[in-house]
């Protein structure tokens, strides 16, 4: 069977379940964080590495630093930029109050400094108690997406999104301008007569 025939027999959807997609997102985030901070993190230990909130808060502070450098280089921007970092306890242990405070501080930073909408936010227990990994992963991806606007390295998924958006933008620019349809005035009296008949 040729490659084209084989591909046409396969589903267009690359993952069979939401769990597989979540796994792929976690894998991408782990690789990105590992490269960004030179740490030993993978898809199997990503939640354990982040559950104290210390790395998340350190990341928030790094994003704030990159944003500040961007502003110094390029001047004022229309992009929402974080202006302050996060305080945290680096020695926090998993599931302790200190860990929960760290995660809560990161969540507050996401809301206030990055303006992440509530639909993409997670709750402390989503990470600390693994109640909803998906919300946590989506929030972290959104932070990466927004930080990439001012020059921070981003996960592969975000890079692919940006490439697709750029291709679509270029295709739209290449299309000939379409004339806007002219609006016709409707004679309301005739419309009333038509409704009556």
N, C-alpha and C. Protein backbone atom coordinates (compact mmCIF):
# COMPACT_ATOMS: atom_id res chain seq x y z
N UNK A 1 0.86 -1.17 0.00
CA UNK A 1 0.00 0.00 0.00
C UNK A 1 0.90 1.23 0.00
N UNK A 2 0.62 2.19 -0.87
CA UNK A 2 1.44 3.39 -0.93
C UNK A 2 1.21 4.24 0.31
N UNK A 3 2.16 5.16 0.56
CA UNK A 3 2.06 6.03 1.72
C UNK A 3 0.82 6.88 1.70
N UNK A 4 0.42 7.35 0.52
CA UNK A 4 -0.76 8.20 0.39
C UNK A 4 -2.02 7.39 0.72
N UNK A 5 -2.10 6.18 0.18
CA UNK A 5 -3.26 5.35 0.48
C UNK A 5 -3.33 5.02 1.96
N UNK A 6 -2.17 4.72 2.54
CA UNK A 6 -2.14 4.40 3.97
C UNK A 6 -2.60 5.60 4.79
N UNK A 7 -2.11 6.80 4.41
CA UNK A 7 -2.48 8.01 5.14
C UNK A 7 -3.97 8.29 5.01
N UNK A 8 -4.54 8.01 3.84
CA UNK A 8 -5.96 8.28 3.65
C UNK A 8 -6.82 7.31 4.46
N UNK A 9 -6.28 6.16 4.78
CA UNK A 9 -7.01 5.21 5.60
C UNK A 9 -6.91 5.52 7.09
N UNK A 10 -5.96 6.37 7.45
CA UNK A 10 -5.78 6.74 8.84
C UNK A 10 -6.73 7.89 9.20
N UNK A 11 -7.03 7.99 10.47
CA UNK A 11 -7.86 9.09 10.95
C UNK A 11 -7.10 10.40 10.82
N UNK A 12 -7.83 11.46 10.51
CA UNK A 12 -7.22 12.79 10.45
C UNK A 12 -6.83 13.22 11.86
N UNK A 13 -7.60 12.82 12.83
CA UNK A 13 -7.32 13.17 14.22
C UNK A 13 -6.07 12.40 14.68
N UNK A 14 -5.00 13.12 15.08
CA UNK A 14 -3.75 12.43 15.40
C UNK A 14 -3.80 11.60 16.69
N UNK A 15 -4.69 11.92 17.60
CA UNK A 15 -4.78 11.19 18.86
C UNK A 15 -6.17 10.59 18.99
N UNK A 16 -6.23 9.40 19.54
CA UNK A 16 -7.51 8.70 19.66
C UNK A 16 -8.31 9.16 20.86
N UNK A 17 -7.64 9.77 21.84
CA UNK A 17 -8.36 10.20 23.03
C UNK A 17 -7.75 11.48 23.59
N UNK A 18 -8.50 12.11 24.45
CA UNK A 18 -8.01 13.30 25.13
C UNK A 18 -6.81 12.98 26.01
N UNK A 19 -6.78 11.76 26.54
CA UNK A 19 -5.65 11.34 27.39
C UNK A 19 -4.36 11.31 26.58
N UNK A 20 -4.42 10.83 25.35
CA UNK A 20 -3.23 10.79 24.50
C UNK A 20 -2.77 12.20 24.17
N UNK A 21 -3.70 13.10 23.94
CA UNK A 21 -3.36 14.48 23.63
C UNK A 21 -2.74 15.15 24.85
N UNK A 22 -3.31 14.90 26.03
CA UNK A 22 -2.77 15.44 27.27
C UNK A 22 -1.35 14.93 27.49
N UNK A 23 -1.12 13.66 27.23
CA UNK A 23 0.21 13.07 27.36
C UNK A 23 1.20 13.79 26.43
N UNK A 24 0.79 14.05 25.20
CA UNK A 24 1.65 14.73 24.24
C UNK A 24 1.97 16.16 24.69
N UNK A 25 0.97 16.85 25.24
CA UNK A 25 1.21 18.21 25.73
C UNK A 25 2.17 18.19 26.91
N UNK A 26 2.00 17.26 27.83
CA UNK A 26 2.89 17.15 28.98
C UNK A 26 4.31 16.80 28.53
N UNK A 27 4.42 15.95 27.55
CA UNK A 27 5.72 15.56 27.01
C UNK A 27 6.44 16.77 26.42
N UNK A 28 5.70 17.58 25.66
CA UNK A 28 6.26 18.78 25.05
C UNK A 28 6.68 19.78 26.12
N UNK A 29 5.83 19.99 27.13
CA UNK A 29 6.16 20.92 28.21
C UNK A 29 7.39 20.45 28.98
N UNK A 30 7.48 19.16 29.25
CA UNK A 30 8.63 18.62 29.99
C UNK A 30 9.93 18.85 29.21
N UNK A 31 9.91 18.57 27.93
CA UNK A 31 11.10 18.77 27.11
C UNK A 31 11.50 20.25 27.09
N UNK A 32 10.52 21.11 26.94
CA UNK A 32 10.75 22.56 26.92
C UNK A 32 11.34 23.05 28.25
N UNK A 33 10.73 22.66 29.36
CA UNK A 33 11.23 23.09 30.67
C UNK A 33 12.63 22.54 30.94
N UNK A 34 12.86 21.28 30.52
CA UNK A 34 14.17 20.68 30.68
C UNK A 34 15.24 21.47 29.94
N UNK A 35 14.94 21.86 28.70
CA UNK A 35 15.88 22.65 27.91
C UNK A 35 16.05 24.06 28.47
N UNK A 36 14.96 24.64 28.90
CA UNK A 36 14.97 26.02 29.37
C UNK A 36 15.76 26.18 30.66
N UNK A 37 15.62 25.21 31.58
CA UNK A 37 16.23 25.35 32.90
C UNK A 37 17.31 24.30 33.18
N UNK A 38 17.67 23.53 32.15
CA UNK A 38 18.71 22.51 32.29
C UNK A 38 18.45 21.60 33.49
N UNK A 39 17.24 21.04 33.53
CA UNK A 39 16.85 20.13 34.60
C UNK A 39 16.44 18.79 34.01
N UNK A 40 16.49 17.77 34.84
CA UNK A 40 16.12 16.42 34.42
C UNK A 40 14.62 16.23 34.65
N UNK A 41 13.84 16.54 33.63
CA UNK A 41 12.38 16.46 33.71
C UNK A 41 11.87 15.76 32.47
N UNK A 42 10.87 14.92 32.65
CA UNK A 42 10.26 14.25 31.50
C UNK A 42 8.77 14.08 31.75
N UNK A 43 8.11 13.46 30.82
CA UNK A 43 6.65 13.33 30.90
C UNK A 43 6.23 12.52 32.14
N UNK A 44 7.09 11.64 32.60
CA UNK A 44 6.74 10.81 33.75
C UNK A 44 6.90 11.51 35.09
N UNK A 45 7.74 12.55 35.15
CA UNK A 45 7.94 13.22 36.45
C UNK A 45 7.59 14.71 36.43
N UNK A 46 6.99 15.18 35.37
CA UNK A 46 6.72 16.62 35.25
C UNK A 46 5.86 17.14 36.39
N UNK A 47 4.82 16.41 36.76
CA UNK A 47 3.94 16.90 37.82
C UNK A 47 4.65 16.89 39.16
N UNK A 48 5.48 15.87 39.40
CA UNK A 48 6.23 15.81 40.65
C UNK A 48 7.24 16.96 40.72
N UNK A 49 7.84 17.30 39.59
CA UNK A 49 8.83 18.39 39.56
C UNK A 49 8.18 19.76 39.78
N UNK A 50 6.91 19.89 39.43
CA UNK A 50 6.24 21.18 39.51
C UNK A 50 5.30 21.32 40.70
N UNK A 51 5.01 20.23 41.40
CA UNK A 51 3.96 20.25 42.42
C UNK A 51 4.26 21.12 43.63
N UNK A 52 5.53 21.44 43.89
CA UNK A 52 5.84 22.33 45.02
C UNK A 52 5.65 23.80 44.63
N UNK A 53 5.50 24.06 43.34
CA UNK A 53 5.30 25.42 42.85
C UNK A 53 6.58 26.23 42.74
N UNK A 54 7.69 25.73 43.27
CA UNK A 54 8.94 26.49 43.24
C UNK A 54 9.42 26.74 41.82
N UNK A 55 9.43 25.70 40.99
CA UNK A 55 9.87 25.87 39.60
C UNK A 55 8.90 26.77 38.83
N UNK A 56 7.61 26.65 39.11
CA UNK A 56 6.63 27.52 38.45
C UNK A 56 6.88 28.98 38.78
N UNK A 57 7.15 29.26 40.07
CA UNK A 57 7.40 30.64 40.48
C UNK A 57 8.72 31.15 39.91
N UNK A 58 9.72 30.29 39.88
CA UNK A 58 10.99 30.68 39.28
C UNK A 58 10.79 30.98 37.80
N UNK A 59 9.94 30.19 37.15
CA UNK A 59 9.63 30.43 35.74
C UNK A 59 8.90 31.78 35.58
N UNK A 60 7.95 32.06 36.47
CA UNK A 60 7.25 33.35 36.41
C UNK A 60 8.24 34.50 36.54
N UNK A 61 9.19 34.37 37.43
CA UNK A 61 10.20 35.42 37.60
C UNK A 61 11.09 35.53 36.36
N UNK A 62 11.39 34.41 35.73
CA UNK A 62 12.18 34.43 34.50
C UNK A 62 11.39 35.10 33.37
N UNK A 63 10.12 34.79 33.25
CA UNK A 63 9.27 35.42 32.23
C UNK A 63 9.24 36.94 32.45
N UNK A 64 9.11 37.35 33.71
CA UNK A 64 9.08 38.77 34.04
C UNK A 64 10.40 39.44 33.65
N UNK A 65 11.52 38.75 33.89
CA UNK A 65 12.84 39.27 33.54
C UNK A 65 12.99 39.41 32.02
N UNK A 66 12.53 38.39 31.28
CA UNK A 66 12.60 38.44 29.81
C UNK A 66 11.73 39.58 29.28
N UNK A 67 10.56 39.78 29.88
CA UNK A 67 9.67 40.87 29.47
C UNK A 67 10.33 42.22 29.72
N UNK A 68 10.98 42.36 30.87
CA UNK A 68 11.66 43.60 31.20
C UNK A 68 12.79 43.88 30.20
N UNK A 69 13.55 42.85 29.85
CA UNK A 69 14.62 43.00 28.85
C UNK A 69 14.04 43.41 27.49
N UNK A 70 12.92 42.81 27.12
CA UNK A 70 12.25 43.13 25.86
C UNK A 70 11.84 44.60 25.84
N UNK A 71 11.26 45.07 26.95
CA UNK A 71 10.83 46.47 27.03
C UNK A 71 12.02 47.42 26.92
N UNK A 72 13.14 47.06 27.55
CA UNK A 72 14.33 47.90 27.49
C UNK A 72 14.88 47.99 26.08
N UNK A 73 14.81 46.87 25.34
CA UNK A 73 15.32 46.83 23.96
C UNK A 73 14.40 47.52 22.98
N UNK A 74 13.10 47.27 23.10
CA UNK A 74 12.18 47.71 22.06
C UNK A 74 11.26 48.86 22.46
N UNK A 75 11.25 49.24 23.71
CA UNK A 75 10.37 50.32 24.14
C UNK A 75 8.98 49.82 24.46
N UNK A 76 8.08 50.75 24.76
CA UNK A 76 6.71 50.37 25.13
C UNK A 76 6.05 49.49 24.07
N UNK A 77 5.21 48.59 24.53
CA UNK A 77 4.55 47.64 23.64
C UNK A 77 3.07 47.54 23.98
N UNK A 78 2.30 47.14 23.00
CA UNK A 78 0.86 46.93 23.21
C UNK A 78 0.60 45.57 23.84
N UNK A 79 1.61 44.71 23.87
CA UNK A 79 1.48 43.36 24.42
C UNK A 79 1.42 43.46 25.94
N UNK A 80 0.53 42.67 26.55
CA UNK A 80 0.45 42.59 28.01
C UNK A 80 1.75 42.00 28.54
N UNK A 81 2.44 42.76 29.38
CA UNK A 81 3.73 42.34 29.93
C UNK A 81 3.65 42.24 31.44
N UNK A 82 4.27 41.22 32.01
CA UNK A 82 4.31 41.15 33.47
C UNK A 82 5.25 42.24 34.01
N UNK A 83 4.83 42.90 35.07
CA UNK A 83 5.64 43.97 35.64
C UNK A 83 6.32 43.55 36.93
N UNK A 84 5.80 42.52 37.58
CA UNK A 84 6.41 42.07 38.83
C UNK A 84 6.46 40.55 38.87
N UNK A 85 7.37 40.06 39.67
CA UNK A 85 7.57 38.62 39.79
C UNK A 85 6.77 38.03 40.94
N UNK A 86 7.26 36.89 41.42
CA UNK A 86 6.54 36.12 42.43
C UNK A 86 7.51 35.81 43.58
N UNK A 87 7.02 35.93 44.80
CA UNK A 87 7.81 35.45 45.93
C UNK A 87 7.43 34.00 46.18
N UNK A 88 8.41 33.20 46.57
CA UNK A 88 8.13 31.79 46.81
C UNK A 88 9.18 31.19 47.73
N UNK A 89 8.86 30.03 48.26
CA UNK A 89 9.75 29.28 49.13
C UNK A 89 10.31 28.12 48.32
N UNK A 90 11.58 28.18 47.99
CA UNK A 90 12.18 27.14 47.14
C UNK A 90 12.32 25.80 47.85
N UNK A 91 12.32 25.80 49.16
CA UNK A 91 12.49 24.55 49.91
C UNK A 91 11.17 23.86 50.26
N UNK A 92 10.08 24.31 49.68
CA UNK A 92 8.77 23.72 49.99
C UNK A 92 8.74 22.25 49.60
N UNK A 93 8.04 21.45 50.40
CA UNK A 93 7.88 20.03 50.12
C UNK A 93 6.48 19.79 49.54
N UNK A 94 6.32 18.74 48.73
CA UNK A 94 5.02 18.46 48.11
C UNK A 94 3.89 18.36 49.14
N UNK A 95 2.74 18.85 48.75
CA UNK A 95 1.47 18.83 49.49
C UNK A 95 1.49 19.62 50.80
N UNK A 96 2.55 20.36 51.09
CA UNK A 96 2.57 21.19 52.30
C UNK A 96 1.90 22.52 52.02
N UNK A 97 1.66 23.26 53.11
CA UNK A 97 1.07 24.59 52.94
C UNK A 97 2.00 25.51 52.15
N UNK A 98 3.30 25.35 52.34
CA UNK A 98 4.25 26.18 51.58
C UNK A 98 4.16 25.90 50.09
N UNK A 99 4.01 24.63 49.73
CA UNK A 99 3.86 24.27 48.32
C UNK A 99 2.56 24.85 47.77
N UNK A 100 1.50 24.74 48.54
CA UNK A 100 0.21 25.29 48.10
C UNK A 100 0.31 26.81 47.93
N UNK A 101 1.02 27.47 48.84
CA UNK A 101 1.20 28.92 48.71
C UNK A 101 1.98 29.27 47.45
N UNK A 102 3.03 28.50 47.17
CA UNK A 102 3.80 28.73 45.95
C UNK A 102 2.92 28.62 44.72
N UNK A 103 2.14 27.56 44.65
CA UNK A 103 1.26 27.34 43.49
C UNK A 103 0.22 28.46 43.40
N UNK A 104 -0.33 28.85 44.54
CA UNK A 104 -1.30 29.94 44.56
C UNK A 104 -0.66 31.25 44.10
N UNK A 105 0.57 31.50 44.50
CA UNK A 105 1.28 32.71 44.04
C UNK A 105 1.47 32.69 42.53
N UNK A 106 1.80 31.52 41.99
CA UNK A 106 1.93 31.40 40.53
C UNK A 106 0.59 31.66 39.84
N UNK A 107 -0.47 31.10 40.38
CA UNK A 107 -1.81 31.31 39.80
C UNK A 107 -2.16 32.80 39.81
N UNK A 108 -1.91 33.46 40.94
CA UNK A 108 -2.21 34.89 41.03
C UNK A 108 -1.38 35.69 40.03
N UNK A 109 -0.12 35.31 39.85
CA UNK A 109 0.74 35.97 38.87
C UNK A 109 0.17 35.79 37.46
N UNK A 110 -0.28 34.57 37.15
CA UNK A 110 -0.87 34.31 35.83
C UNK A 110 -2.07 35.22 35.57
N UNK A 111 -2.91 35.36 36.58
CA UNK A 111 -4.11 36.19 36.42
C UNK A 111 -3.76 37.67 36.32
N UNK A 112 -2.95 38.16 37.25
CA UNK A 112 -2.70 39.60 37.34
C UNK A 112 -1.66 40.08 36.34
N UNK A 113 -0.57 39.37 36.22
CA UNK A 113 0.53 39.86 35.40
C UNK A 113 0.44 39.41 33.93
N UNK A 114 -0.11 38.24 33.69
CA UNK A 114 -0.19 37.72 32.32
C UNK A 114 -1.61 37.80 31.75
N UNK A 115 -2.57 38.18 32.58
CA UNK A 115 -3.99 38.29 32.16
C UNK A 115 -4.50 37.02 31.51
N UNK A 116 -4.16 35.89 32.09
CA UNK A 116 -4.66 34.61 31.59
C UNK A 116 -6.14 34.53 31.95
N UNK A 117 -7.01 34.28 30.98
CA UNK A 117 -8.45 34.22 31.29
C UNK A 117 -8.78 33.01 32.17
N UNK A 118 -9.84 33.15 32.95
CA UNK A 118 -10.24 32.09 33.88
C UNK A 118 -10.46 30.75 33.20
N UNK A 119 -10.92 30.77 31.97
CA UNK A 119 -11.19 29.52 31.26
C UNK A 119 -9.91 28.70 31.06
N UNK A 120 -8.75 29.36 31.10
CA UNK A 120 -7.46 28.67 30.93
C UNK A 120 -6.70 28.52 32.24
N UNK A 121 -7.33 28.88 33.35
CA UNK A 121 -6.66 28.81 34.65
C UNK A 121 -6.89 27.46 35.31
N UNK A 122 -6.09 27.21 36.32
CA UNK A 122 -6.25 25.99 37.12
C UNK A 122 -6.34 26.37 38.58
N UNK A 123 -6.76 25.45 39.39
CA UNK A 123 -6.84 25.64 40.83
C UNK A 123 -5.63 24.97 41.47
N UNK A 124 -5.29 25.37 42.67
CA UNK A 124 -4.15 24.80 43.38
C UNK A 124 -4.24 23.28 43.44
N UNK A 125 -5.42 22.75 43.77
CA UNK A 125 -5.59 21.30 43.89
C UNK A 125 -5.46 20.57 42.55
N UNK A 126 -5.65 21.28 41.45
CA UNK A 126 -5.49 20.64 40.14
C UNK A 126 -4.08 20.12 39.96
N UNK A 127 -3.11 20.83 40.53
CA UNK A 127 -1.72 20.38 40.45
C UNK A 127 -1.31 19.61 41.71
N UNK A 128 -1.54 20.19 42.88
CA UNK A 128 -1.06 19.60 44.13
C UNK A 128 -1.69 18.23 44.38
N UNK A 129 -2.98 18.11 44.15
CA UNK A 129 -3.68 16.84 44.38
C UNK A 129 -4.03 16.11 43.08
N UNK A 130 -3.55 16.61 41.95
CA UNK A 130 -3.78 16.02 40.62
C UNK A 130 -5.28 15.90 40.29
N UNK A 131 -6.05 16.91 40.68
CA UNK A 131 -7.49 16.86 40.43
C UNK A 131 -7.83 17.13 38.97
N UNK A 132 -7.04 17.98 38.30
CA UNK A 132 -7.32 18.29 36.90
C UNK A 132 -6.03 18.69 36.20
N UNK A 133 -5.28 17.72 35.76
CA UNK A 133 -4.00 17.95 35.10
C UNK A 133 -4.18 18.77 33.82
N UNK A 134 -5.28 18.53 33.13
CA UNK A 134 -5.50 19.21 31.86
C UNK A 134 -5.53 20.72 32.03
N UNK A 135 -6.25 21.22 33.03
CA UNK A 135 -6.31 22.66 33.25
C UNK A 135 -4.94 23.23 33.55
N UNK A 136 -4.16 22.51 34.35
CA UNK A 136 -2.81 22.97 34.67
C UNK A 136 -1.96 23.05 33.41
N UNK A 137 -2.00 22.00 32.59
CA UNK A 137 -1.20 21.94 31.37
C UNK A 137 -1.61 23.05 30.40
N UNK A 138 -2.90 23.26 30.24
CA UNK A 138 -3.38 24.32 29.33
C UNK A 138 -2.94 25.70 29.80
N UNK A 139 -2.94 25.92 31.11
CA UNK A 139 -2.51 27.21 31.65
C UNK A 139 -1.02 27.42 31.38
N UNK A 140 -0.22 26.39 31.64
CA UNK A 140 1.22 26.51 31.42
C UNK A 140 1.53 26.76 29.94
N UNK A 141 0.78 26.11 29.05
CA UNK A 141 0.95 26.37 27.62
C UNK A 141 0.58 27.81 27.26
N UNK A 142 -0.46 28.33 27.88
CA UNK A 142 -0.88 29.71 27.60
C UNK A 142 0.17 30.71 28.09
N UNK A 143 0.76 30.44 29.25
CA UNK A 143 1.84 31.29 29.74
C UNK A 143 2.99 31.29 28.72
N UNK A 144 3.34 30.10 28.23
CA UNK A 144 4.41 29.98 27.24
C UNK A 144 4.06 30.71 25.95
N UNK A 145 2.80 30.61 25.52
CA UNK A 145 2.33 31.27 24.30
C UNK A 145 2.49 32.78 24.43
N UNK A 146 2.06 33.32 25.55
CA UNK A 146 2.14 34.77 25.75
C UNK A 146 3.58 35.25 25.93
N UNK A 147 4.39 34.46 26.62
CA UNK A 147 5.79 34.84 26.84
C UNK A 147 6.59 34.79 25.54
N UNK A 148 6.17 33.94 24.61
CA UNK A 148 6.89 33.85 23.33
C UNK A 148 6.75 35.15 22.53
N UNK A 149 5.73 35.94 22.80
CA UNK A 149 5.52 37.20 22.09
C UNK A 149 6.63 38.21 22.35
N UNK A 150 7.28 38.07 23.48
CA UNK A 150 8.39 38.98 23.76
C UNK A 150 9.73 38.26 23.84
N UNK A 151 9.83 37.18 23.09
CA UNK A 151 11.12 36.57 22.83
C UNK A 151 11.53 35.38 23.67
N UNK A 152 10.68 34.88 24.53
CA UNK A 152 11.05 33.72 25.32
C UNK A 152 10.87 32.46 24.49
N UNK A 153 11.78 31.51 24.68
CA UNK A 153 11.66 30.22 23.97
C UNK A 153 10.33 29.58 24.34
N UNK A 154 9.75 28.87 23.38
CA UNK A 154 8.43 28.26 23.62
C UNK A 154 8.45 26.77 23.28
N UNK A 155 7.48 26.03 23.81
CA UNK A 155 7.36 24.60 23.47
C UNK A 155 7.08 24.42 21.98
N UNK A 156 7.35 23.24 21.48
CA UNK A 156 7.16 22.93 20.06
C UNK A 156 5.71 23.18 19.63
N UNK A 157 4.75 22.80 20.47
CA UNK A 157 3.34 23.01 20.11
C UNK A 157 3.05 24.48 19.83
N UNK A 158 3.59 25.36 20.64
CA UNK A 158 3.38 26.80 20.44
C UNK A 158 4.08 27.26 19.18
N UNK A 159 5.28 26.75 18.93
CA UNK A 159 6.00 27.11 17.71
C UNK A 159 5.22 26.70 16.47
N UNK A 160 4.63 25.50 16.51
CA UNK A 160 3.83 25.03 15.38
C UNK A 160 2.60 25.90 15.18
N UNK A 161 1.94 26.28 16.27
CA UNK A 161 0.79 27.18 16.18
C UNK A 161 1.17 28.48 15.49
N UNK A 162 2.31 29.03 15.90
CA UNK A 162 2.76 30.30 15.35
C UNK A 162 3.09 30.19 13.87
N UNK A 163 3.70 29.06 13.47
CA UNK A 163 3.99 28.84 12.05
C UNK A 163 2.71 28.75 11.24
N UNK A 164 1.73 28.04 11.75
CA UNK A 164 0.45 27.91 11.04
C UNK A 164 -0.23 29.27 10.92
N UNK A 165 -0.24 30.04 12.03
CA UNK A 165 -0.86 31.37 11.99
C UNK A 165 -0.17 32.27 10.96
N UNK A 166 1.16 32.18 10.89
CA UNK A 166 1.92 32.98 9.93
C UNK A 166 1.58 32.57 8.49
N UNK A 167 1.47 31.27 8.24
CA UNK A 167 1.11 30.80 6.90
C UNK A 167 -0.28 31.27 6.52
N UNK A 168 -1.21 31.21 7.45
CA UNK A 168 -2.58 31.67 7.18
C UNK A 168 -2.57 33.17 6.89
N UNK A 169 -1.83 33.92 7.69
CA UNK A 169 -1.74 35.37 7.50
C UNK A 169 -1.18 35.69 6.12
N UNK A 170 -0.12 34.98 5.70
CA UNK A 170 0.47 35.20 4.38
C UNK A 170 -0.50 34.85 3.27
N UNK A 171 -1.24 33.76 3.43
CA UNK A 171 -2.22 33.37 2.41
C UNK A 171 -3.33 34.41 2.31
N UNK A 172 -3.75 34.95 3.44
CA UNK A 172 -4.81 35.96 3.43
C UNK A 172 -4.34 37.24 2.74
N UNK A 173 -3.07 37.58 2.93
CA UNK A 173 -2.52 38.78 2.29
C UNK A 173 -2.42 38.59 0.78
N UNK A 174 -2.21 37.34 0.32
CA UNK A 174 -2.07 37.06 -1.10
C UNK A 174 -3.41 37.01 -1.83
N UNK A 175 -4.50 36.88 -1.10
CA UNK A 175 -5.82 36.81 -1.74
C UNK A 175 -6.20 38.19 -2.28
N UNK A 176 -6.84 38.22 -3.45
CA UNK A 176 -7.28 39.53 -3.96
C UNK A 176 -8.38 40.09 -3.06
N UNK A 177 -8.40 41.39 -2.96
CA UNK A 177 -9.41 42.04 -2.12
C UNK A 177 -10.80 41.77 -2.69
N UNK A 178 -11.67 41.33 -1.85
CA UNK A 178 -13.05 41.05 -2.26
C UNK A 178 -13.89 42.31 -2.07
N UNK A 179 -14.67 42.67 -3.10
CA UNK A 179 -15.54 43.84 -2.93
C UNK A 179 -16.61 43.55 -1.88
N UNK A 180 -16.92 44.57 -1.10
CA UNK A 180 -17.96 44.39 -0.08
C UNK A 180 -19.31 44.45 -0.76
N UNK A 181 -20.20 43.53 -0.39
CA UNK A 181 -21.53 43.57 -1.00
C UNK A 181 -22.27 44.84 -0.57
N UNK A 182 -23.00 45.40 -1.53
CA UNK A 182 -23.77 46.60 -1.22
C UNK A 182 -25.06 46.19 -0.53
N UNK A 183 -25.42 47.00 0.45
CA UNK A 183 -26.66 46.72 1.18
C UNK A 183 -27.83 47.31 0.40
N UNK A 184 -28.89 46.52 0.33
CA UNK A 184 -30.10 47.01 -0.33
C UNK A 184 -31.06 47.49 0.74
N UNK A 185 -31.70 48.59 0.46
CA UNK A 185 -32.72 49.08 1.38
C UNK A 185 -33.98 48.26 1.16
N UNK A 186 -34.59 47.90 2.22
CA UNK A 186 -35.82 47.10 2.13
C UNK A 186 -37.01 48.03 2.32
N UNK A 187 -37.97 47.90 1.41
CA UNK A 187 -39.20 48.65 1.53
C UNK A 187 -40.07 47.90 2.53
N UNK A 188 -40.18 48.46 3.73
CA UNK A 188 -40.90 47.77 4.80
C UNK A 188 -42.38 47.64 4.47
N UNK A 189 -42.95 48.60 3.75
CA UNK A 189 -44.37 48.52 3.40
C UNK A 189 -44.61 47.29 2.52
N UNK A 190 -43.74 47.06 1.52
CA UNK A 190 -43.89 45.90 0.66
C UNK A 190 -43.71 44.62 1.46
N UNK A 191 -42.81 44.62 2.42
CA UNK A 191 -42.58 43.45 3.27
C UNK A 191 -43.83 43.13 4.07
N UNK A 192 -44.48 44.16 4.63
CA UNK A 192 -45.71 43.94 5.38
C UNK A 192 -46.79 43.35 4.49
N UNK A 193 -46.88 43.84 3.26
CA UNK A 193 -47.89 43.31 2.34
C UNK A 193 -47.60 41.86 2.01
N UNK A 194 -46.31 41.54 1.81
CA UNK A 194 -45.97 40.15 1.49
C UNK A 194 -46.31 39.22 2.63
N UNK A 195 -46.09 39.68 3.87
CA UNK A 195 -46.41 38.85 5.05
C UNK A 195 -47.92 38.65 5.15
N UNK A 196 -48.70 39.69 4.85
CA UNK A 196 -50.15 39.56 4.92
C UNK A 196 -50.69 38.57 3.90
N UNK A 197 -50.09 38.54 2.71
CA UNK A 197 -50.57 37.64 1.65
C UNK A 197 -50.03 36.29 1.91
